Amino acid sequence: MYNFIYSRPLWLVVFLMLLLAVLWSRWDELADADKSRRWKWKLLNLAVLPVSLLFIAEVTLLRREPMAESVVILQPFATLARIAEQPEYIRTMLMNAALFMPLGLSVAGLFPHRWPAAVKIMPAVLIGAAVSCGVEQLQYLHLLGTVEVDDVICNTLGALMGAQFVLIAPIRRRFFKNLSW
C-alpha cells in the first residue's frame, strides 16, 4: 500500500492528504450533530489509531533490512540542503508527513467536540513526535536505515496536519452553510 502511494505523483498525494482532512472534518461534524453517531465516531478513531501505529511500524521498521552500521544525521533540515542534488528528497519528506497524518487524525478525533481545537491538536502533535522519536531510536538500535532529525520533524508535521481537521470543520461550516455534502 505504501509503495502504491509513494509511486503516485506528488500533486496527487497532496490532494489526497487534503481530501482526507476535509472528509475527516465532515465526518467529525456529522458525528457532533447526531448524538447516536458520536460513539461510532470515537470507535472509528480508536480503531484507526492502532492501525496507523502498525502501518508506521511496518513501513519504518519491519520492512527494512539491517545495515552494516548506523547512519545518523542530527542536523535539522539537512534534507533541504540535499534536495538540490537529489529532488527525490522532496517526496521522501512529504511521505514522512503523510505516514503520520492518520495518527494525527485519530488522536485529535478522540477528544470531545466541546474542547478547544488547541487542546485536541496538542496531544496529537506530542504523540506523533514521541512515536517518531521511538521509531528513530529503534532504527538506530537495530541498524534499520538512516536516523534523521528531519524524519522526526516531518513526521510531527504530518501528525499536526492530520490533527488540523478540527480547525477545518468550523471554516467549512462558515463558508459552505448552504451545501449539504
N, C-alpha and C. Protein backbone atom coordinates (compact mmCIF):
# COMPACT_ATOMS: atom_id res chain seq x y z
N MET A 1 0.82 -1.19 0.00
CA MET A 1 0.00 0.00 0.00
C MET A 1 0.87 1.26 0.00
N TYR A 2 1.88 1.28 0.88
CA TYR A 2 2.75 2.45 0.96
C TYR A 2 3.48 2.66 -0.37
N ASN A 3 3.97 1.56 -0.97
CA ASN A 3 4.65 1.68 -2.26
C ASN A 3 3.70 2.22 -3.33
N PHE A 4 2.45 1.80 -3.27
CA PHE A 4 1.46 2.29 -4.22
C PHE A 4 1.29 3.80 -4.07
N ILE A 5 1.16 4.27 -2.84
CA ILE A 5 1.00 5.70 -2.58
C ILE A 5 2.29 6.45 -2.94
N TYR A 6 3.42 5.86 -2.58
CA TYR A 6 4.72 6.51 -2.82
C TYR A 6 4.97 6.73 -4.32
N SER A 7 4.46 5.83 -5.14
CA SER A 7 4.72 5.93 -6.58
C SER A 7 3.78 6.90 -7.31
N ARG A 8 2.79 7.44 -6.63
CA ARG A 8 1.87 8.40 -7.25
C ARG A 8 2.55 9.75 -7.41
N PRO A 9 2.05 10.57 -8.34
CA PRO A 9 2.59 11.94 -8.50
C PRO A 9 2.39 12.75 -7.21
N LEU A 10 3.32 13.65 -6.95
CA LEU A 10 3.27 14.45 -5.72
C LEU A 10 1.98 15.25 -5.59
N TRP A 11 1.51 15.83 -6.69
CA TRP A 11 0.29 16.63 -6.62
C TRP A 11 -0.88 15.77 -6.17
N LEU A 12 -0.90 14.49 -6.59
CA LEU A 12 -1.99 13.60 -6.21
C LEU A 12 -1.90 13.26 -4.72
N VAL A 13 -0.72 13.03 -4.23
CA VAL A 13 -0.54 12.72 -2.80
C VAL A 13 -0.99 13.91 -1.95
N VAL A 14 -0.60 15.11 -2.34
CA VAL A 14 -1.01 16.32 -1.60
C VAL A 14 -2.53 16.47 -1.66
N PHE A 15 -3.11 16.25 -2.83
CA PHE A 15 -4.56 16.34 -2.98
C PHE A 15 -5.26 15.32 -2.08
N LEU A 16 -4.77 14.09 -2.06
CA LEU A 16 -5.39 13.05 -1.23
C LEU A 16 -5.26 13.37 0.26
N MET A 17 -4.13 13.96 0.67
CA MET A 17 -3.97 14.36 2.06
C MET A 17 -4.99 15.44 2.43
N LEU A 18 -5.16 16.42 1.56
CA LEU A 18 -6.15 17.48 1.81
C LEU A 18 -7.56 16.92 1.82
N LEU A 19 -7.85 16.04 0.88
CA LEU A 19 -9.17 15.43 0.81
C LEU A 19 -9.47 14.63 2.07
N LEU A 20 -8.50 13.88 2.54
CA LEU A 20 -8.68 13.10 3.77
C LEU A 20 -9.01 14.01 4.94
N ALA A 21 -8.29 15.12 5.07
CA ALA A 21 -8.54 16.06 6.18
C ALA A 21 -9.93 16.68 6.08
N VAL A 22 -10.35 17.05 4.87
CA VAL A 22 -11.67 17.65 4.69
C VAL A 22 -12.77 16.63 4.98
N LEU A 23 -12.61 15.40 4.47
CA LEU A 23 -13.61 14.36 4.73
C LEU A 23 -13.67 14.02 6.22
N TRP A 24 -12.52 13.95 6.87
CA TRP A 24 -12.49 13.64 8.31
C TRP A 24 -13.20 14.74 9.09
N SER A 25 -13.01 15.99 8.67
CA SER A 25 -13.68 17.09 9.36
C SER A 25 -15.19 17.00 9.15
N ARG A 26 -15.60 16.57 7.96
CA ARG A 26 -17.04 16.42 7.69
C ARG A 26 -17.64 15.31 8.53
N TRP A 27 -16.94 14.18 8.63
CA TRP A 27 -17.43 13.08 9.45
C TRP A 27 -17.48 13.48 10.92
N ASP A 28 -16.50 14.25 11.35
CA ASP A 28 -16.48 14.75 12.72
C ASP A 28 -17.69 15.66 12.96
N GLU A 29 -17.97 16.49 12.00
CA GLU A 29 -19.10 17.40 12.11
C GLU A 29 -20.42 16.63 12.15
N LEU A 30 -20.56 15.61 11.32
CA LEU A 30 -21.77 14.79 11.32
C LEU A 30 -21.95 14.07 12.65
N ALA A 31 -20.85 13.58 13.20
CA ALA A 31 -20.91 12.90 14.49
C ALA A 31 -21.31 13.86 15.60
N ASP A 32 -20.85 15.09 15.51
CA ASP A 32 -21.18 16.09 16.51
C ASP A 32 -22.66 16.47 16.44
N ALA A 33 -23.23 16.45 15.24
CA ALA A 33 -24.63 16.85 15.06
C ALA A 33 -25.60 15.77 15.52
N ASP A 34 -25.19 14.52 15.53
CA ASP A 34 -26.08 13.41 15.86
C ASP A 34 -25.49 12.62 17.03
N LYS A 35 -26.16 12.69 18.17
CA LYS A 35 -25.63 12.04 19.38
C LYS A 35 -25.47 10.54 19.21
N SER A 36 -26.30 9.91 18.39
CA SER A 36 -26.20 8.46 18.21
C SER A 36 -24.95 8.08 17.42
N ARG A 37 -24.39 9.03 16.67
CA ARG A 37 -23.18 8.74 15.88
C ARG A 37 -21.90 9.02 16.65
N ARG A 38 -21.97 9.72 17.76
CA ARG A 38 -20.76 10.12 18.48
C ARG A 38 -19.92 8.94 18.92
N TRP A 39 -20.54 7.93 19.50
CA TRP A 39 -19.77 6.79 19.97
C TRP A 39 -19.17 6.01 18.81
N LYS A 40 -19.89 5.97 17.67
CA LYS A 40 -19.33 5.31 16.49
C LYS A 40 -18.12 6.06 15.97
N TRP A 41 -18.18 7.40 16.04
CA TRP A 41 -17.05 8.23 15.62
C TRP A 41 -15.84 7.97 16.52
N LYS A 42 -16.08 7.90 17.82
CA LYS A 42 -14.98 7.63 18.75
C LYS A 42 -14.40 6.25 18.50
N LEU A 43 -15.26 5.27 18.25
CA LEU A 43 -14.77 3.92 17.95
C LEU A 43 -13.94 3.89 16.66
N LEU A 44 -14.39 4.62 15.65
CA LEU A 44 -13.64 4.70 14.40
C LEU A 44 -12.25 5.28 14.65
N ASN A 45 -12.19 6.38 15.41
CA ASN A 45 -10.90 6.99 15.73
C ASN A 45 -10.04 6.04 16.56
N LEU A 46 -10.67 5.34 17.49
CA LEU A 46 -9.94 4.39 18.32
C LEU A 46 -9.42 3.22 17.49
N ALA A 47 -10.14 2.84 16.44
CA ALA A 47 -9.69 1.76 15.56
C ALA A 47 -8.58 2.22 14.62
N VAL A 48 -8.66 3.45 14.15
CA VAL A 48 -7.65 3.98 13.24
C VAL A 48 -6.31 4.16 13.95
N LEU A 49 -6.34 4.47 15.22
CA LEU A 49 -5.11 4.72 15.98
C LEU A 49 -4.15 3.53 15.95
N PRO A 50 -4.56 2.32 16.37
CA PRO A 50 -3.60 1.21 16.32
C PRO A 50 -3.25 0.79 14.89
N VAL A 51 -4.20 0.93 13.98
CA VAL A 51 -3.90 0.60 12.58
C VAL A 51 -2.82 1.53 12.05
N SER A 52 -2.92 2.82 12.36
CA SER A 52 -1.89 3.76 11.90
C SER A 52 -0.55 3.46 12.55
N LEU A 53 -0.55 3.10 13.83
CA LEU A 53 0.70 2.75 14.51
C LEU A 53 1.33 1.49 13.90
N LEU A 54 0.50 0.51 13.59
CA LEU A 54 1.02 -0.71 12.95
C LEU A 54 1.57 -0.42 11.56
N PHE A 55 0.89 0.43 10.82
CA PHE A 55 1.35 0.79 9.48
C PHE A 55 2.68 1.54 9.56
N ILE A 56 2.81 2.44 10.53
CA ILE A 56 4.07 3.16 10.73
C ILE A 56 5.19 2.16 11.06
N ALA A 57 4.92 1.22 11.95
CA ALA A 57 5.92 0.22 12.32
C ALA A 57 6.29 -0.65 11.13
N GLU A 58 5.32 -1.02 10.34
CA GLU A 58 5.58 -1.87 9.18
C GLU A 58 6.46 -1.17 8.16
N VAL A 59 6.17 0.09 7.89
CA VAL A 59 6.91 0.84 6.87
C VAL A 59 8.31 1.23 7.36
N THR A 60 8.42 1.62 8.62
CA THR A 60 9.69 2.18 9.10
C THR A 60 10.61 1.16 9.76
N LEU A 61 10.06 0.06 10.23
CA LEU A 61 10.88 -0.90 10.98
C LEU A 61 10.86 -2.31 10.39
N LEU A 62 9.69 -2.83 10.18
CA LEU A 62 9.57 -4.25 9.81
C LEU A 62 9.99 -4.56 8.37
N ARG A 63 9.92 -3.60 7.49
CA ARG A 63 10.27 -3.80 6.09
C ARG A 63 11.76 -3.67 5.80
N ARG A 64 12.50 -3.21 6.73
CA ARG A 64 13.90 -2.86 6.48
C ARG A 64 14.85 -3.96 6.89
N GLU A 65 15.91 -4.05 6.12
CA GLU A 65 17.00 -4.98 6.45
C GLU A 65 18.07 -4.22 7.23
N PRO A 66 18.68 -4.85 8.20
CA PRO A 66 19.74 -4.18 8.95
C PRO A 66 20.91 -3.77 8.05
N MET A 67 21.50 -2.64 8.37
CA MET A 67 22.66 -2.14 7.64
C MET A 67 23.93 -2.53 8.39
N ALA A 68 25.07 -2.31 7.78
CA ALA A 68 26.34 -2.64 8.42
C ALA A 68 26.63 -1.72 9.61
N GLU A 69 26.24 -0.46 9.48
CA GLU A 69 26.46 0.49 10.57
C GLU A 69 25.37 1.55 10.54
N SER A 70 25.19 2.23 11.65
CA SER A 70 24.17 3.28 11.73
C SER A 70 24.63 4.53 10.99
N VAL A 71 23.68 5.16 10.33
CA VAL A 71 23.91 6.47 9.73
C VAL A 71 23.02 7.43 10.49
N VAL A 72 23.63 8.42 11.12
CA VAL A 72 22.89 9.36 11.96
C VAL A 72 23.13 10.77 11.44
N ILE A 73 22.03 11.48 11.16
CA ILE A 73 22.10 12.88 10.72
C ILE A 73 21.30 13.70 11.72
N LEU A 74 22.00 14.42 12.56
CA LEU A 74 21.35 15.18 13.63
C LEU A 74 21.13 16.65 13.29
N GLN A 75 21.60 17.09 12.15
CA GLN A 75 21.42 18.49 11.75
C GLN A 75 20.00 18.70 11.25
N PRO A 76 19.23 19.57 11.91
CA PRO A 76 17.87 19.83 11.43
C PRO A 76 17.90 20.44 10.03
N PHE A 77 16.96 20.01 9.22
CA PHE A 77 16.76 20.49 7.86
C PHE A 77 17.93 20.18 6.93
N ALA A 78 18.72 19.19 7.26
CA ALA A 78 19.81 18.76 6.38
C ALA A 78 19.26 18.23 5.06
N THR A 79 18.08 17.66 5.09
CA THR A 79 17.46 17.13 3.87
C THR A 79 17.19 18.25 2.88
N LEU A 80 16.84 19.42 3.36
CA LEU A 80 16.58 20.55 2.46
C LEU A 80 17.82 20.91 1.65
N ALA A 81 18.98 20.79 2.26
CA ALA A 81 20.23 21.10 1.54
C ALA A 81 20.52 20.04 0.48
N ARG A 82 20.05 18.82 0.69
CA ARG A 82 20.31 17.74 -0.27
C ARG A 82 19.31 17.71 -1.42
N ILE A 83 18.25 18.50 -1.33
CA ILE A 83 17.24 18.49 -2.40
C ILE A 83 17.82 18.93 -3.73
N ALA A 84 18.74 19.87 -3.73
CA ALA A 84 19.33 20.36 -4.97
C ALA A 84 20.02 19.23 -5.73
N GLU A 85 20.69 18.35 -5.01
CA GLU A 85 21.39 17.25 -5.68
C GLU A 85 20.48 16.05 -5.94
N GLN A 86 19.43 15.91 -5.16
CA GLN A 86 18.52 14.77 -5.33
C GLN A 86 17.09 15.21 -5.02
N PRO A 87 16.31 15.61 -6.05
CA PRO A 87 14.94 16.10 -5.83
C PRO A 87 14.00 15.07 -5.19
N GLU A 88 14.38 13.81 -5.20
CA GLU A 88 13.55 12.76 -4.60
C GLU A 88 13.36 12.98 -3.09
N TYR A 89 14.22 13.76 -2.48
CA TYR A 89 14.09 14.05 -1.04
C TYR A 89 12.80 14.82 -0.74
N ILE A 90 12.30 15.58 -1.71
CA ILE A 90 11.01 16.26 -1.51
C ILE A 90 9.92 15.22 -1.28
N ARG A 91 9.91 14.20 -2.13
CA ARG A 91 8.93 13.12 -1.99
C ARG A 91 9.10 12.41 -0.65
N THR A 92 10.33 12.16 -0.27
CA THR A 92 10.60 11.47 1.00
C THR A 92 10.05 12.27 2.18
N MET A 93 10.29 13.57 2.16
CA MET A 93 9.79 14.41 3.25
C MET A 93 8.26 14.43 3.28
N LEU A 94 7.64 14.55 2.11
CA LEU A 94 6.19 14.56 2.04
C LEU A 94 5.61 13.22 2.50
N MET A 95 6.24 12.14 2.11
CA MET A 95 5.75 10.82 2.50
C MET A 95 5.93 10.58 4.00
N ASN A 96 7.00 11.12 4.58
CA ASN A 96 7.16 11.03 6.03
C ASN A 96 6.01 11.74 6.73
N ALA A 97 5.61 12.88 6.21
CA ALA A 97 4.47 13.61 6.79
C ALA A 97 3.17 12.83 6.57
N ALA A 98 2.98 12.32 5.36
CA ALA A 98 1.75 11.59 5.04
C ALA A 98 1.60 10.34 5.90
N LEU A 99 2.70 9.71 6.22
CA LEU A 99 2.68 8.49 7.03
C LEU A 99 2.09 8.73 8.42
N PHE A 100 2.31 9.91 8.98
CA PHE A 100 1.84 10.22 10.33
C PHE A 100 0.51 10.98 10.35
N MET A 101 -0.01 11.32 9.20
CA MET A 101 -1.27 12.06 9.15
C MET A 101 -2.44 11.28 9.78
N PRO A 102 -2.63 9.99 9.47
CA PRO A 102 -3.73 9.25 10.12
C PRO A 102 -3.60 9.19 11.64
N LEU A 103 -2.38 9.17 12.14
CA LEU A 103 -2.18 9.20 13.59
C LEU A 103 -2.73 10.50 14.17
N GLY A 104 -2.41 11.62 13.54
CA GLY A 104 -2.93 12.91 13.99
C GLY A 104 -4.44 12.99 13.88
N LEU A 105 -4.99 12.45 12.79
CA LEU A 105 -6.45 12.43 12.61
C LEU A 105 -7.12 11.67 13.75
N SER A 106 -6.63 10.48 14.02
CA SER A 106 -7.30 9.63 15.01
C SER A 106 -7.15 10.15 16.44
N VAL A 107 -5.98 10.66 16.79
CA VAL A 107 -5.79 11.16 18.15
C VAL A 107 -6.68 12.38 18.39
N ALA A 108 -6.67 13.34 17.47
CA ALA A 108 -7.50 14.54 17.65
C ALA A 108 -8.99 14.21 17.64
N GLY A 109 -9.37 13.17 16.91
CA GLY A 109 -10.78 12.78 16.85
C GLY A 109 -11.30 12.10 18.10
N LEU A 110 -10.42 11.73 19.00
CA LEU A 110 -10.84 11.06 20.23
C LEU A 110 -11.37 12.01 21.30
N PHE A 111 -11.06 13.31 21.16
CA PHE A 111 -11.42 14.26 22.20
C PHE A 111 -12.83 14.82 21.98
N PRO A 112 -13.49 15.22 23.06
CA PRO A 112 -14.85 15.77 22.95
C PRO A 112 -14.90 17.00 22.05
N HIS A 113 -16.00 17.14 21.34
CA HIS A 113 -16.17 18.26 20.41
C HIS A 113 -16.16 19.62 21.10
N ARG A 114 -16.59 19.67 22.32
CA ARG A 114 -16.69 20.95 23.01
C ARG A 114 -15.33 21.49 23.45
N TRP A 115 -14.31 20.65 23.41
CA TRP A 115 -12.97 21.10 23.81
C TRP A 115 -12.39 22.01 22.74
N PRO A 116 -11.58 22.98 23.14
CA PRO A 116 -10.94 23.87 22.15
C PRO A 116 -10.02 23.07 21.21
N ALA A 117 -9.89 23.59 20.00
CA ALA A 117 -9.09 22.90 18.99
C ALA A 117 -7.65 22.69 19.44
N ALA A 118 -7.06 23.68 20.07
CA ALA A 118 -5.66 23.56 20.51
C ALA A 118 -5.48 22.42 21.50
N VAL A 119 -6.47 22.20 22.34
CA VAL A 119 -6.39 21.12 23.33
C VAL A 119 -6.46 19.76 22.63
N LYS A 120 -7.15 19.68 21.51
CA LYS A 120 -7.23 18.43 20.75
C LYS A 120 -6.01 18.23 19.86
N ILE A 121 -5.44 19.31 19.38
CA ILE A 121 -4.30 19.22 18.45
C ILE A 121 -3.01 18.89 19.19
N MET A 122 -2.80 19.48 20.34
CA MET A 122 -1.53 19.32 21.07
C MET A 122 -1.20 17.86 21.39
N PRO A 123 -2.13 17.05 21.91
CA PRO A 123 -1.79 15.64 22.17
C PRO A 123 -1.42 14.89 20.88
N ALA A 124 -2.09 15.21 19.79
CA ALA A 124 -1.78 14.56 18.51
C ALA A 124 -0.35 14.87 18.09
N VAL A 125 0.06 16.11 18.25
CA VAL A 125 1.42 16.52 17.88
C VAL A 125 2.43 15.85 18.82
N LEU A 126 2.16 15.86 20.11
CA LEU A 126 3.09 15.26 21.07
C LEU A 126 3.21 13.75 20.88
N ILE A 127 2.09 13.09 20.63
CA ILE A 127 2.14 11.64 20.39
C ILE A 127 2.86 11.35 19.08
N GLY A 128 2.60 12.16 18.05
CA GLY A 128 3.31 11.99 16.78
C GLY A 128 4.81 12.14 16.95
N ALA A 129 5.23 13.16 17.70
CA ALA A 129 6.65 13.37 17.95
C ALA A 129 7.25 12.22 18.76
N ALA A 130 6.53 11.75 19.77
CA ALA A 130 7.03 10.66 20.61
C ALA A 130 7.15 9.36 19.81
N VAL A 131 6.16 9.06 19.00
CA VAL A 131 6.22 7.85 18.17
C VAL A 131 7.37 7.95 17.18
N SER A 132 7.53 9.12 16.58
CA SER A 132 8.61 9.32 15.63
C SER A 132 9.98 9.16 16.29
N CYS A 133 10.14 9.74 17.47
CA CYS A 133 11.41 9.58 18.20
C CYS A 133 11.65 8.11 18.55
N GLY A 134 10.59 7.41 18.92
CA GLY A 134 10.71 5.98 19.21
C GLY A 134 11.13 5.18 17.98
N VAL A 135 10.56 5.51 16.85
CA VAL A 135 10.92 4.83 15.59
C VAL A 135 12.39 5.08 15.27
N GLU A 136 12.81 6.33 15.37
CA GLU A 136 14.21 6.66 15.07
C GLU A 136 15.16 5.96 16.04
N GLN A 137 14.77 5.85 17.30
CA GLN A 137 15.60 5.16 18.28
C GLN A 137 15.71 3.67 17.93
N LEU A 138 14.59 3.06 17.57
CA LEU A 138 14.62 1.64 17.19
C LEU A 138 15.43 1.44 15.91
N GLN A 139 15.32 2.37 14.97
CA GLN A 139 16.13 2.27 13.77
C GLN A 139 17.62 2.34 14.12
N TYR A 140 17.97 3.19 15.04
CA TYR A 140 19.36 3.31 15.47
C TYR A 140 19.84 2.03 16.16
N LEU A 141 19.05 1.54 17.09
CA LEU A 141 19.45 0.36 17.86
C LEU A 141 19.58 -0.90 17.00
N HIS A 142 18.74 -1.01 15.98
CA HIS A 142 18.72 -2.21 15.14
C HIS A 142 19.33 -1.99 13.76
N LEU A 143 19.99 -0.84 13.57
CA LEU A 143 20.67 -0.51 12.31
C LEU A 143 19.72 -0.57 11.11
N LEU A 144 18.53 -0.01 11.28
CA LEU A 144 17.50 -0.05 10.24
C LEU A 144 17.35 1.31 9.56
N GLY A 145 18.18 1.60 8.63
CA GLY A 145 18.04 2.85 7.89
C GLY A 145 18.76 4.01 8.54
N THR A 146 18.55 5.17 7.94
CA THR A 146 19.20 6.39 8.41
C THR A 146 18.36 7.03 9.50
N VAL A 147 19.01 7.43 10.57
CA VAL A 147 18.35 8.12 11.68
C VAL A 147 18.54 9.61 11.44
N GLU A 148 17.42 10.32 11.27
CA GLU A 148 17.49 11.74 10.93
C GLU A 148 16.54 12.57 11.78
N VAL A 149 17.01 13.72 12.18
CA VAL A 149 16.15 14.68 12.87
C VAL A 149 15.05 15.14 11.92
N ASP A 150 15.36 15.25 10.65
CA ASP A 150 14.36 15.67 9.66
C ASP A 150 13.17 14.73 9.60
N ASP A 151 13.40 13.44 9.82
CA ASP A 151 12.29 12.49 9.85
C ASP A 151 11.35 12.81 11.00
N VAL A 152 11.91 13.11 12.15
CA VAL A 152 11.09 13.46 13.32
C VAL A 152 10.30 14.74 13.02
N ILE A 153 10.95 15.71 12.41
CA ILE A 153 10.27 16.97 12.07
C ILE A 153 9.12 16.72 11.09
N CYS A 154 9.41 15.98 10.02
CA CYS A 154 8.36 15.71 9.01
C CYS A 154 7.23 14.86 9.59
N ASN A 155 7.57 13.86 10.38
CA ASN A 155 6.54 13.01 10.98
C ASN A 155 5.65 13.81 11.93
N THR A 156 6.26 14.67 12.72
CA THR A 156 5.50 15.50 13.65
C THR A 156 4.61 16.48 12.88
N LEU A 157 5.13 17.04 11.80
CA LEU A 157 4.30 17.91 10.96
C LEU A 157 3.14 17.14 10.34
N GLY A 158 3.36 15.88 10.00
CA GLY A 158 2.29 15.04 9.47
C GLY A 158 1.19 14.82 10.50
N ALA A 159 1.58 14.55 11.75
CA ALA A 159 0.58 14.41 12.81
C ALA A 159 -0.17 15.72 13.01
N LEU A 160 0.55 16.84 12.93
CA LEU A 160 -0.09 18.15 13.04
C LEU A 160 -1.06 18.38 11.89
N MET A 161 -0.65 18.04 10.67
CA MET A 161 -1.54 18.21 9.51
C MET A 161 -2.80 17.36 9.67
N GLY A 162 -2.65 16.15 10.20
CA GLY A 162 -3.82 15.31 10.43
C GLY A 162 -4.75 15.90 11.47
N ALA A 163 -4.18 16.41 12.54
CA ALA A 163 -4.99 16.97 13.62
C ALA A 163 -5.68 18.27 13.21
N GLN A 164 -5.21 18.91 12.17
CA GLN A 164 -5.78 20.19 11.74
C GLN A 164 -7.24 20.06 11.27
N PHE A 165 -7.71 18.84 11.08
CA PHE A 165 -9.10 18.69 10.64
C PHE A 165 -10.06 19.32 11.63
N VAL A 166 -9.67 19.41 12.90
CA VAL A 166 -10.56 20.02 13.89
C VAL A 166 -10.74 21.51 13.63
N LEU A 167 -9.82 22.11 12.89
CA LEU A 167 -9.95 23.52 12.51
C LEU A 167 -10.71 23.69 11.20
N ILE A 168 -10.70 22.65 10.37
CA ILE A 168 -11.34 22.74 9.06
C ILE A 168 -12.86 22.75 9.18
N ALA A 169 -13.42 21.96 10.10
CA ALA A 169 -14.88 21.86 10.22
C ALA A 169 -15.55 23.22 10.44
N PRO A 170 -15.10 24.03 11.39
CA PRO A 170 -15.76 25.34 11.57
C PRO A 170 -15.62 26.24 10.33
N ILE A 171 -14.47 26.19 9.70
CA ILE A 171 -14.26 27.00 8.49
C ILE A 171 -15.18 26.52 7.38
N ARG A 172 -15.24 25.20 7.22
CA ARG A 172 -16.10 24.62 6.19
C ARG A 172 -17.56 24.98 6.44
N ARG A 173 -17.97 24.91 7.70
CA ARG A 173 -19.35 25.27 8.06
C ARG A 173 -19.65 26.72 7.71
N ARG A 174 -18.72 27.58 8.00
CA ARG A 174 -18.92 29.01 7.75
C ARG A 174 -19.05 29.31 6.25
N PHE A 175 -18.22 28.70 5.44
CA PHE A 175 -18.19 29.01 4.01
C PHE A 175 -19.20 28.21 3.20
N PHE A 176 -19.57 27.04 3.70
CA PHE A 176 -20.46 26.19 2.91
C PHE A 176 -21.75 25.88 3.66
N LYS A 177 -22.30 26.87 4.33
CA LYS A 177 -23.52 26.67 5.13
C LYS A 177 -24.65 26.03 4.34
N ASN A 178 -24.83 26.46 3.12
CA ASN A 178 -25.98 26.01 2.34
C ASN A 178 -25.76 24.72 1.57
N LEU A 179 -24.53 24.21 1.55
CA LEU A 179 -24.26 22.96 0.87
C LEU A 179 -24.55 21.80 1.80
N SER A 180 -25.08 20.74 1.29
CA SER A 180 -25.41 19.60 2.14
C SER A 180 -24.57 18.38 1.77
N TRP A 181 -23.31 18.58 1.50
CA TRP A 181 -22.46 17.43 1.19
C TRP A 181 -21.84 16.98 2.45
